[in-house]
Amino acid sequence: MKTSQDFNENFNQYSSEIEKEMSNLNRMLQEFASNGVVAQQIINDLEPVLAKLHLTIDSFTMNRPDKEKASNRGRLSLHLVSDGKFKFIQFRGYTSRGAGKNENRLDSKAEKICEAVQAALQNPVNELRCSVNPFSLEVRDGKETGRVLMDISYNF
């Protein structure tokens, strides 16, 4: 009798674990699909804005759903390249305190790019936020990396 009872308890426990896992996977699939729809729309809307800044999308990655917790916040990490007209800032060395001499110019240029993107794409629903790595705007010794690193986070 004990063996039959143990079997039923183990069977029911394992069944509930499988159901929980399936439910979690369905949630992740739904999040991924919703995130993908919004990310695709952002990319489509972003391309003309970037064209005005003389940048194009070279590659991007989209965040994936977390296995443990639900979220309605998405993130795109973009690698942008110049169309040939984008002006990178030439590296000018460091100050005596160790800060980059271009730091203010880099921050200002990164902020202007973000402002242009947010002005074009942000709305009360998506709560879009943009950040540009200011050091990706700098070139050293005439070697252009040719890549601007941008992160965009948004609600979906």
C-alpha atoms as a PDB file:
ATOM      1  CA  MET A   1       0.000   0.000   0.000  1.00  0.00           C
ATOM      2  CA  LYS A   2       2.822   2.409   0.849  1.00  0.00           C
ATOM      3  CA  THR A   3       4.466   1.794  -2.540  1.00  0.00           C
ATOM      4  CA  SER A   4       1.305   2.673  -4.413  1.00  0.00           C
ATOM      5  CA  GLN A   5       0.904   5.838  -2.358  1.00  0.00           C
ATOM      6  CA  ASP A   6       4.551   6.849  -2.983  1.00  0.00           C
ATOM      7  CA  PHE A   7       4.088   6.253  -6.693  1.00  0.00           C
ATOM      8  CA  ASN A   8       1.004   8.480  -6.827  1.00  0.00           C
ATOM      9  CA  GLU A   9       2.718  11.261  -4.855  1.00  0.00           C
ATOM     10  CA  ASN A  10       5.812  11.152  -7.083  1.00  0.00           C
ATOM     11  CA  PHE A  11       3.690  11.012 -10.223  1.00  0.00           C
ATOM     12  CA  ASN A  12       1.561  13.978  -9.158  1.00  0.00           C
ATOM     13  CA  GLN A  13       4.581  15.989  -8.068  1.00  0.00           C
ATOM     14  CA  TYR A  14       6.396  15.398 -11.349  1.00  0.00           C
ATOM     15  CA  SER A  15       3.228  16.169 -13.337  1.00  0.00           C
ATOM     16  CA  SER A  16       2.832  19.501 -11.555  1.00  0.00           C
ATOM     17  CA  GLU A  17       6.513  20.346 -12.194  1.00  0.00           C
ATOM     18  CA  ILE A  18       6.055  19.658 -15.904  1.00  0.00           C
ATOM     19  CA  GLU A  19       2.892  21.770 -16.018  1.00  0.00           C
ATOM     20  CA  LYS A  20       4.700  24.608 -14.257  1.00  0.00           C
ATOM     21  CA  GLU A  21       7.593  24.390 -16.719  1.00  0.00           C
ATOM     22  CA  MET A  22       5.205  24.364 -19.702  1.00  0.00           C
ATOM     23  CA  SER A  23       3.391  27.384 -18.317  1.00  0.00           C
ATOM     24  CA  ASN A  24       6.696  29.181 -17.856  1.00  0.00           C
ATOM     25  CA  LEU A  25       7.814  28.332 -21.416  1.00  0.00           C
ATOM     26  CA  ASN A  26       4.502  29.593 -22.816  1.00  0.00           C
ATOM     27  CA  ARG A  27       4.974  32.862 -20.898  1.00  0.00           C
ATOM     28  CA  MET A  28       8.509  33.179 -22.284  1.00  0.00           C
ATOM     29  CA  LEU A  29       7.257  32.517 -25.817  1.00  0.00           C
ATOM     30  CA  GLN A  30       4.554  35.171 -25.435  1.00  0.00           C
ATOM     31  CA  GLU A  31       7.067  37.701 -24.069  1.00  0.00           C
ATOM     32  CA  PHE A  32       9.518  36.940 -26.874  1.00  0.00           C
ATOM     33  CA  ALA A  33       6.813  37.392 -29.530  1.00  0.00           C
ATOM     34  CA  SER A  34       5.546  40.657 -28.008  1.00  0.00           C
ATOM     35  CA  ASN A  35       9.064  41.984 -27.631  1.00  0.00           C
ATOM     36  CA  GLY A  36       9.875  41.036 -31.229  1.00  0.00           C
ATOM     37  CA  VAL A  37       6.890  42.919 -32.640  1.00  0.00           C
ATOM     38  CA  VAL A  38       7.839  46.113 -30.804  1.00  0.00           C
ATOM     39  CA  ALA A  39      11.565  45.719 -31.581  1.00  0.00           C
ATOM     40  CA  GLN A  40      10.838  45.329 -35.295  1.00  0.00           C
ATOM     41  CA  GLN A  41       8.685  48.466 -35.278  1.00  0.00           C
ATOM     42  CA  ILE A  42      11.390  50.410 -33.426  1.00  0.00           C
ATOM     43  CA  ILE A  43      14.018  49.303 -35.953  1.00  0.00           C
ATOM     44  CA  ASN A  44      11.777  50.319 -38.859  1.00  0.00           C
ATOM     45  CA  ASP A  45      11.118  53.715 -37.270  1.00  0.00           C
ATOM     46  CA  LEU A  46      14.761  54.143 -36.269  1.00  0.00           C
ATOM     47  CA  GLU A  47      16.291  53.732 -39.732  1.00  0.00           C
ATOM     48  CA  PRO A  48      15.199  57.157 -41.119  1.00  0.00           C
ATOM     49  CA  VAL A  49      16.318  58.881 -37.901  1.00  0.00           C
ATOM     50  CA  LEU A  50      19.729  57.233 -38.151  1.00  0.00           C
ATOM     51  CA  ALA A  51      19.963  58.131 -41.853  1.00  0.00           C
ATOM     52  CA  LYS A  52      19.692  61.826 -40.889  1.00  0.00           C
ATOM     53  CA  LEU A  53      22.578  61.249 -38.462  1.00  0.00           C
ATOM     54  CA  HIS A  54      24.565  59.485 -41.243  1.00  0.00           C
ATOM     55  CA  LEU A  55      24.438  56.130 -39.454  1.00  0.00           C
ATOM     56  CA  THR A  56      23.023  52.744 -40.436  1.00  0.00           C
ATOM     57  CA  ILE A  57      22.316  49.572 -38.470  1.00  0.00           C
ATOM     58  CA  ASP A  58      25.041  46.981 -38.995  1.00  0.00           C
ATOM     59  CA  SER A  59      23.830  44.443 -36.444  1.00  0.00           C
ATOM     60  CA  PHE A  60      21.661  44.190 -33.365  1.00  0.00           C
ATOM     61  CA  THR A  61      20.648  41.853 -30.586  1.00  0.00           C
ATOM     62  CA  MET A  62      17.378  41.720 -28.691  1.00  0.00           C
ATOM     63  CA  ASN A  63      17.084  40.622 -25.087  1.00  0.00           C
ATOM     64  CA  ARG A  64      15.488  37.269 -24.363  1.00  0.00           C
ATOM     65  CA  PRO A  65      12.883  36.495 -21.722  1.00  0.00           C
ATOM     66  CA  ASP A  66      14.085  35.569 -18.265  1.00  0.00           C
ATOM     67  CA  LYS A  67      13.350  32.004 -17.190  1.00  0.00           C
ATOM     68  CA  GLU A  68      12.536  33.014 -13.641  1.00  0.00           C
ATOM     69  CA  LYS A  69      10.499  36.206 -13.856  1.00  0.00           C
ATOM     70  CA  ALA A  70       8.107  37.933 -16.220  1.00  0.00           C
ATOM     71  CA  SER A  71       8.950  41.305 -17.703  1.00  0.00           C
ATOM     72  CA  ASN A  72       7.463  43.771 -20.152  1.00  0.00           C
ATOM     73  CA  ARG A  73      10.740  45.619 -20.725  1.00  0.00           C
ATOM     74  CA  GLY A  74      12.737  44.979 -23.887  1.00  0.00           C
ATOM     75  CA  ARG A  75      16.231  46.005 -24.956  1.00  0.00           C
ATOM     76  CA  LEU A  76      17.951  46.349 -28.299  1.00  0.00           C
ATOM     77  CA  SER A  77      21.733  46.546 -28.497  1.00  0.00           C
ATOM     78  CA  LEU A  78      22.720  48.053 -31.828  1.00  0.00           C
ATOM     79  CA  HIS A  79      26.008  48.329 -33.685  1.00  0.00           C
ATOM     80  CA  LEU A  80      25.777  51.316 -35.996  1.00  0.00           C
ATOM     81  CA  VAL A  81      28.160  52.145 -38.839  1.00  0.00           C
ATOM     82  CA  SER A  82      28.815  55.412 -40.598  1.00  0.00           C
ATOM     83  CA  ASP A  83      27.539  55.998 -44.102  1.00  0.00           C
ATOM     84  CA  GLY A  84      30.797  57.841 -44.726  1.00  0.00           C
ATOM     85  CA  LYS A  85      29.571  61.258 -43.589  1.00  0.00           C
ATOM     86  CA  PHE A  86      29.392  60.667 -39.839  1.00  0.00           C
ATOM     87  CA  LYS A  87      32.191  62.542 -38.075  1.00  0.00           C
ATOM     88  CA  PHE A  88      34.002  60.590 -35.392  1.00  0.00           C
ATOM     89  CA  ILE A  89      35.957  62.582 -32.804  1.00  0.00           C
ATOM     90  CA  GLN A  90      39.746  62.266 -32.945  1.00  0.00           C
ATOM     91  CA  PHE A  91      41.402  61.052 -29.726  1.00  0.00           C
ATOM     92  CA  ARG A  92      43.382  63.895 -28.086  1.00  0.00           C
ATOM     93  CA  GLY A  93      44.949  62.213 -25.081  1.00  0.00           C
ATOM     94  CA  TYR A  94      44.340  62.568 -21.381  1.00  0.00           C
ATOM     95  CA  THR A  95      44.364  65.420 -18.878  1.00  0.00           C
ATOM     96  CA  SER A  96      46.783  65.475 -15.935  1.00  0.00           C
ATOM     97  CA  ARG A  97      43.997  63.976 -13.818  1.00  0.00           C
ATOM     98  CA  GLY A  98      43.549  61.018 -16.161  1.00  0.00           C
ATOM     99  CA  ALA A  99      40.294  62.088 -17.786  1.00  0.00           C
ATOM    100  CA  GLY A 100      39.996  62.114 -21.557  1.00  0.00           C
ATOM    101  CA  LYS A 101      40.427  65.539 -23.125  1.00  0.00           C
ATOM    102  CA  ASN A 102      37.464  64.819 -25.384  1.00  0.00           C
ATOM    103  CA  GLU A 103      35.179  63.619 -22.603  1.00  0.00           C
ATOM    104  CA  ASN A 104      32.791  66.593 -22.750  1.00  0.00           C
ATOM    105  CA  ARG A 105      32.606  66.532 -26.564  1.00  0.00           C
ATOM    106  CA  LEU A 106      31.977  62.777 -26.562  1.00  0.00           C
ATOM    107  CA  ASP A 107      29.257  63.042 -23.924  1.00  0.00           C
ATOM    108  CA  SER A 108      27.627  65.932 -25.771  1.00  0.00           C
ATOM    109  CA  LYS A 109      27.613  64.105 -29.124  1.00  0.00           C
ATOM    110  CA  ALA A 110      26.258  60.901 -27.546  1.00  0.00           C
ATOM    111  CA  GLU A 111      23.529  62.918 -25.828  1.00  0.00           C
ATOM    112  CA  LYS A 112      22.548  64.631 -29.090  1.00  0.00           C
ATOM    113  CA  ILE A 113      22.210  61.270 -30.848  1.00  0.00           C
ATOM    114  CA  CYS A 114      20.031  59.935 -28.018  1.00  0.00           C
ATOM    115  CA  GLU A 115      17.894  63.063 -27.994  1.00  0.00           C
ATOM    116  CA  ALA A 116      17.238  62.719 -31.732  1.00  0.00           C
ATOM    117  CA  VAL A 117      16.264  59.060 -31.341  1.00  0.00           C
ATOM    118  CA  GLN A 118      14.054  59.671 -28.303  1.00  0.00           C
ATOM    119  CA  ALA A 119      12.360  62.678 -29.897  1.00  0.00           C
ATOM    120  CA  ALA A 120      11.404  60.581 -32.915  1.00  0.00           C
ATOM    121  CA  LEU A 121      10.447  57.324 -31.205  1.00  0.00           C
ATOM    122  CA  GLN A 122       9.465  57.957 -27.602  1.00  0.00           C
ATOM    123  CA  ASN A 123       5.836  57.936 -26.510  1.00  0.00           C
ATOM    124  CA  PRO A 124       4.100  57.561 -23.126  1.00  0.00           C
ATOM    125  CA  VAL A 125       3.371  53.883 -23.753  1.00  0.00           C
ATOM    126  CA  ASN A 126       6.804  52.566 -24.744  1.00  0.00           C
ATOM    127  CA  GLU A 127       8.860  54.656 -22.267  1.00  0.00           C
ATOM    128  CA  LEU A 128      11.772  54.395 -24.690  1.00  0.00           C
ATOM    129  CA  ARG A 129      15.216  55.196 -23.353  1.00  0.00           C
ATOM    130  CA  CYS A 130      18.362  55.456 -25.418  1.00  0.00           C
ATOM    131  CA  SER A 131      22.030  55.397 -24.494  1.00  0.00           C
ATOM    132  CA  VAL A 132      25.092  55.677 -26.699  1.00  0.00           C
ATOM    133  CA  ASN A 133      28.532  54.604 -25.576  1.00  0.00           C
ATOM    134  CA  PRO A 134      30.387  57.929 -25.906  1.00  0.00           C
ATOM    135  CA  PHE A 135      33.762  56.237 -26.313  1.00  0.00           C
ATOM    136  CA  SER A 136      32.541  54.466 -29.447  1.00  0.00           C
ATOM    137  CA  LEU A 137      32.389  57.937 -31.048  1.00  0.00           C
ATOM    138  CA  GLU A 138      36.140  58.408 -30.680  1.00  0.00           C
ATOM    139  CA  VAL A 139      38.879  57.206 -33.032  1.00  0.00           C
ATOM    140  CA  ARG A 140      42.517  56.800 -32.188  1.00  0.00           C
ATOM    141  CA  ASP A 141      45.546  57.132 -34.468  1.00  0.00           C
ATOM    142  CA  GLY A 142      43.333  57.500 -37.538  1.00  0.00           C
ATOM    143  CA  LYS A 143      41.997  53.977 -37.081  1.00  0.00           C
ATOM    144  CA  GLU A 144      38.235  54.308 -37.257  1.00  0.00           C
ATOM    145  CA  THR A 145      36.393  51.545 -35.545  1.00  0.00           C
ATOM    146  CA  GLY A 146      33.431  52.655 -37.600  1.00  0.00           C
ATOM    147  CA  ARG A 147      30.969  51.436 -34.962  1.00  0.00           C
ATOM    148  CA  VAL A 148      28.707  53.391 -32.666  1.00  0.00           C
ATOM    149  CA  LEU A 149      27.264  51.326 -29.813  1.00  0.00           C
ATOM    150  CA  MET A 150      23.669  52.123 -28.898  1.00  0.00           C
ATOM    151  CA  ASP A 151      21.261  50.545 -26.411  1.00  0.00           C
ATOM    152  CA  ILE A 152      17.537  51.167 -26.546  1.00  0.00           C
ATOM    153  CA  SER A 153      15.190  49.967 -23.826  1.00  0.00           C
ATOM    154  CA  TYR A 154      11.412  50.082 -24.100  1.00  0.00           C
ATOM    155  CA  ASN A 155       8.124  48.652 -22.831  1.00  0.00           C
ATOM    156  CA  PHE A 156       6.220  46.119 -24.897  1.00  0.00           C
END
